Amino acid sequence: MEKHPKSACDSCGHFNSSNLKKLGVNTDHVDFVVALAGNPNTGKSTVFNALTGLRQHTGNWPGKTVTRAEGAYSYDDKKYKLVDLPGTYSLLSTSVDEEVARNFILFGQPSVTVIVVDAGRLERNLNLVLQILEITDKAVLCLNLMDEAERQDIEIDERSLAKDLGIPVVATSARYKKGIPELIQTIHEVANGTIVCKPHRIKNVPKHIQKAVDKLSKSIELQYPDIPNSRWIAFRLLDGDARIINAIETGEFINTEKELIN
């Protein structure tokens, strides 16, 4: 049975700390891959460290000077590899950081994408959130820095936000480990299909554009049946995105990102 997107409050009481083991840099033979995305200065690295035990394997993305950080943890007899993507404000690929983050979410097809946002600056973070939700239908919103938001008297209705976005929302203060158990549990439920996300997608598209997108999407699906969101790729191709055009023509990005998953 499908479950509606939920907030952290809905998952309280289900987390079993005895089922959690932080594995640091041991990322071999994993069951699920989790991408950690977000704007700079949202506490993304703190969330990463809280999940993996303060240790990480670092190196560069293939062919890039951008640093890649990986770590792992196991929960409920399943092993999770966590990939910390470069902090970015957009996925429109105007920089190497944006290109790396976008290609991994799109072509690497992680099991779950955790989007870390600053609860005190939610509105400016939503641009990236909505772009990611156009690409993947398996995501969790990590509403981080809640302690700072509360000091500013900022209140957020997590359930309404989850309903509007179509994905689970978990409130955290990662530096104090608050909300981390709920985040782990929610990632687990999205990864294994207990929670089915129904992310917000742009719907008010002019008919002539929608017709072109539909036609192009079908062609993409015939050539690359495993790509999760041919609709988004079609939009980018129609917009003349040179990097996406190259990825489709050569398959280079697709193969590279899938290798990083394994």
Foldseek 3Di string as FASTA:
>chain_A
DADFAAELVVQPPVFDVVQKFAFAAPPPPFDFEEEEEFAPPLCSVLLVCLRRVNHWDWDDQVPDPDIKTWGWMGGPNGIYIYIYQDHDQALLPPDPSSVRSNLLVFQQVGLEYEYGGALLPVVSGVRRVQRSLLRDFHYEYEHEPVVVNVVVVHDDDQGVVCNQFQHYYFYYHSVVPGRSSSVVVRNVCSSVVVHGGDGDHDDPDDPVLVVQLVVQLVVLCVQPVPGDRSSVLSVSVVVVSPVSVVCSVPVVSNVSSNVVRD
